[in-house]
C-alpha atoms as a PDB file:
ATOM      1  CA  UNK A   1     -23.214 -45.178 -12.339  1.00  0.00           C
ATOM      2  CA  UNK A   2     -22.685 -43.496  -9.000  1.00  0.00           C
ATOM      3  CA  UNK A   3     -25.531 -41.718  -7.307  1.00  0.00           C
ATOM      4  CA  UNK A   4     -24.309 -38.308  -6.113  1.00  0.00           C
ATOM      5  CA  UNK A   5     -26.503 -35.831  -4.354  1.00  0.00           C
ATOM      6  CA  UNK A   6     -25.839 -32.116  -4.097  1.00  0.00           C
ATOM      7  CA  UNK A   7     -25.102 -32.218  -0.384  1.00  0.00           C
ATOM      8  CA  UNK A   8     -22.058 -34.475  -0.871  1.00  0.00           C
ATOM      9  CA  UNK A   9     -20.627 -32.310  -3.650  1.00  0.00           C
ATOM     10  CA  UNK A  10     -21.133 -29.039  -1.771  1.00  0.00           C
ATOM     11  CA  UNK A  11     -19.563 -30.357   1.418  1.00  0.00           C
ATOM     12  CA  UNK A  12     -16.323 -31.155  -0.449  1.00  0.00           C
ATOM     13  CA  UNK A  13     -15.840 -27.569  -1.628  1.00  0.00           C
ATOM     14  CA  UNK A  14     -14.224 -25.296   0.897  1.00  0.00           C
ATOM     15  CA  UNK A  15     -15.811 -21.970   1.781  1.00  0.00           C
ATOM     16  CA  UNK A  16     -14.140 -18.936   0.226  1.00  0.00           C
ATOM     17  CA  UNK A  17     -13.262 -16.125   2.597  1.00  0.00           C
ATOM     18  CA  UNK A  18     -13.638 -12.454   1.734  1.00  0.00           C
ATOM     19  CA  UNK A  19     -10.213 -10.934   0.964  1.00  0.00           C
ATOM     20  CA  UNK A  20     -11.183  -7.608   2.517  1.00  0.00           C
ATOM     21  CA  UNK A  21     -12.614  -9.099   5.727  1.00  0.00           C
ATOM     22  CA  UNK A  22      -9.587 -11.347   6.137  1.00  0.00           C
ATOM     23  CA  UNK A  23      -7.134  -8.435   5.801  1.00  0.00           C
ATOM     24  CA  UNK A  24      -9.437  -6.025   7.694  1.00  0.00           C
ATOM     25  CA  UNK A  25      -9.691  -3.567   4.818  1.00  0.00           C
ATOM     26  CA  UNK A  26     -12.695  -1.264   5.306  1.00  0.00           C
ATOM     27  CA  UNK A  27     -12.056   1.342   2.635  1.00  0.00           C
ATOM     28  CA  UNK A  28     -11.329   0.321  -0.953  1.00  0.00           C
ATOM     29  CA  UNK A  29      -9.476   3.068  -2.790  1.00  0.00           C
ATOM     30  CA  UNK A  30     -10.443   3.599  -6.437  1.00  0.00           C
ATOM     31  CA  UNK A  31      -6.852   4.684  -7.207  1.00  0.00           C
ATOM     32  CA  UNK A  32      -5.442   1.264  -6.264  1.00  0.00           C
ATOM     33  CA  UNK A  33      -5.610  -0.122  -9.800  1.00  0.00           C
ATOM     34  CA  UNK A  34      -3.742  -3.370  -9.075  1.00  0.00           C
ATOM     35  CA  UNK A  35      -6.253  -4.352  -6.414  1.00  0.00           C
ATOM     36  CA  UNK A  36      -9.215  -3.482  -8.628  1.00  0.00           C
ATOM     37  CA  UNK A  37      -7.833  -5.400 -11.630  1.00  0.00           C
ATOM     38  CA  UNK A  38      -7.631  -8.486  -9.455  1.00  0.00           C
ATOM     39  CA  UNK A  39     -11.429  -8.519  -9.232  1.00  0.00           C
ATOM     40  CA  UNK A  40     -11.992  -7.909 -12.965  1.00  0.00           C
ATOM     41  CA  UNK A  41     -11.628 -10.291 -15.886  1.00  0.00           C
ATOM     42  CA  UNK A  42      -9.554  -9.658 -19.003  1.00  0.00           C
ATOM     43  CA  UNK A  43     -12.513  -8.015 -20.765  1.00  0.00           C
ATOM     44  CA  UNK A  44     -12.982  -5.488 -17.972  1.00  0.00           C
ATOM     45  CA  UNK A  45     -16.058  -7.038 -16.360  1.00  0.00           C
ATOM     46  CA  UNK A  46     -16.461  -7.235 -12.588  1.00  0.00           C
ATOM     47  CA  UNK A  47     -16.255 -10.782 -11.230  1.00  0.00           C
ATOM     48  CA  UNK A  48     -19.224 -12.080  -9.276  1.00  0.00           C
ATOM     49  CA  UNK A  49     -18.863 -12.488  -5.512  1.00  0.00           C
ATOM     50  CA  UNK A  50     -19.176 -16.240  -5.991  1.00  0.00           C
ATOM     51  CA  UNK A  51     -15.901 -16.313  -7.923  1.00  0.00           C
ATOM     52  CA  UNK A  52     -13.684 -14.637  -5.313  1.00  0.00           C
ATOM     53  CA  UNK A  53     -15.829 -15.099  -2.206  1.00  0.00           C
ATOM     54  CA  UNK A  54     -16.260 -11.424  -1.387  1.00  0.00           C
ATOM     55  CA  UNK A  55     -18.999 -10.622   1.099  1.00  0.00           C
ATOM     56  CA  UNK A  56     -22.007  -8.538   0.089  1.00  0.00           C
ATOM     57  CA  UNK A  57     -20.804  -5.387   1.838  1.00  0.00           C
ATOM     58  CA  UNK A  58     -17.375  -5.391   0.250  1.00  0.00           C
ATOM     59  CA  UNK A  59     -18.731  -6.410  -3.167  1.00  0.00           C
ATOM     60  CA  UNK A  60     -20.866  -3.248  -3.194  1.00  0.00           C
ATOM     61  CA  UNK A  61     -17.930  -1.063  -2.162  1.00  0.00           C
ATOM     62  CA  UNK A  62     -15.681  -2.791  -4.719  1.00  0.00           C
ATOM     63  CA  UNK A  63     -18.191  -2.302  -7.550  1.00  0.00           C
ATOM     64  CA  UNK A  64     -18.502   1.412  -6.751  1.00  0.00           C
ATOM     65  CA  UNK A  65     -14.704   1.776  -6.628  1.00  0.00           C
ATOM     66  CA  UNK A  66     -14.327   0.066 -10.024  1.00  0.00           C
ATOM     67  CA  UNK A  67     -17.045   2.248 -11.545  1.00  0.00           C
ATOM     68  CA  UNK A  68     -15.387   5.371 -10.174  1.00  0.00           C
ATOM     69  CA  UNK A  69     -11.985   4.228 -11.504  1.00  0.00           C
ATOM     70  CA  UNK A  70     -13.569   3.690 -14.926  1.00  0.00           C
ATOM     71  CA  UNK A  71     -14.927   7.236 -15.052  1.00  0.00           C
ATOM     72  CA  UNK A  72     -11.511   8.581 -13.977  1.00  0.00           C
ATOM     73  CA  UNK A  73      -9.934   6.544 -16.852  1.00  0.00           C
ATOM     74  CA  UNK A  74      -7.723   4.509 -14.508  1.00  0.00           C
ATOM     75  CA  UNK A  75      -9.364   1.240 -15.574  1.00  0.00           C
ATOM     76  CA  UNK A  76     -10.827   0.661 -19.044  1.00  0.00           C
ATOM     77  CA  UNK A  77     -14.559   0.139 -19.572  1.00  0.00           C
ATOM     78  CA  UNK A  78     -14.044  -2.537 -22.218  1.00  0.00           C
ATOM     79  CA  UNK A  79     -10.854  -4.214 -23.462  1.00  0.00           C
ATOM     80  CA  UNK A  80     -10.882  -5.311 -27.081  1.00  0.00           C
END
């Protein structure tokens, strides 16, 4: 049985880069449904920043944009 420690496993995974920082997007528009759906799962939940590698600043802006799009009925609250 091999003895693995966490440091070896974590060093093998590559660091995810924020999509918005990489493309220099400062403002996330709530009307851009295709972009917002990319950061939501099939049930309509917002993905965690760990999943897509978004930075804290853009995750906050993204969450507010998704919530605003939900109230404007552009994106569903829950998909059944």
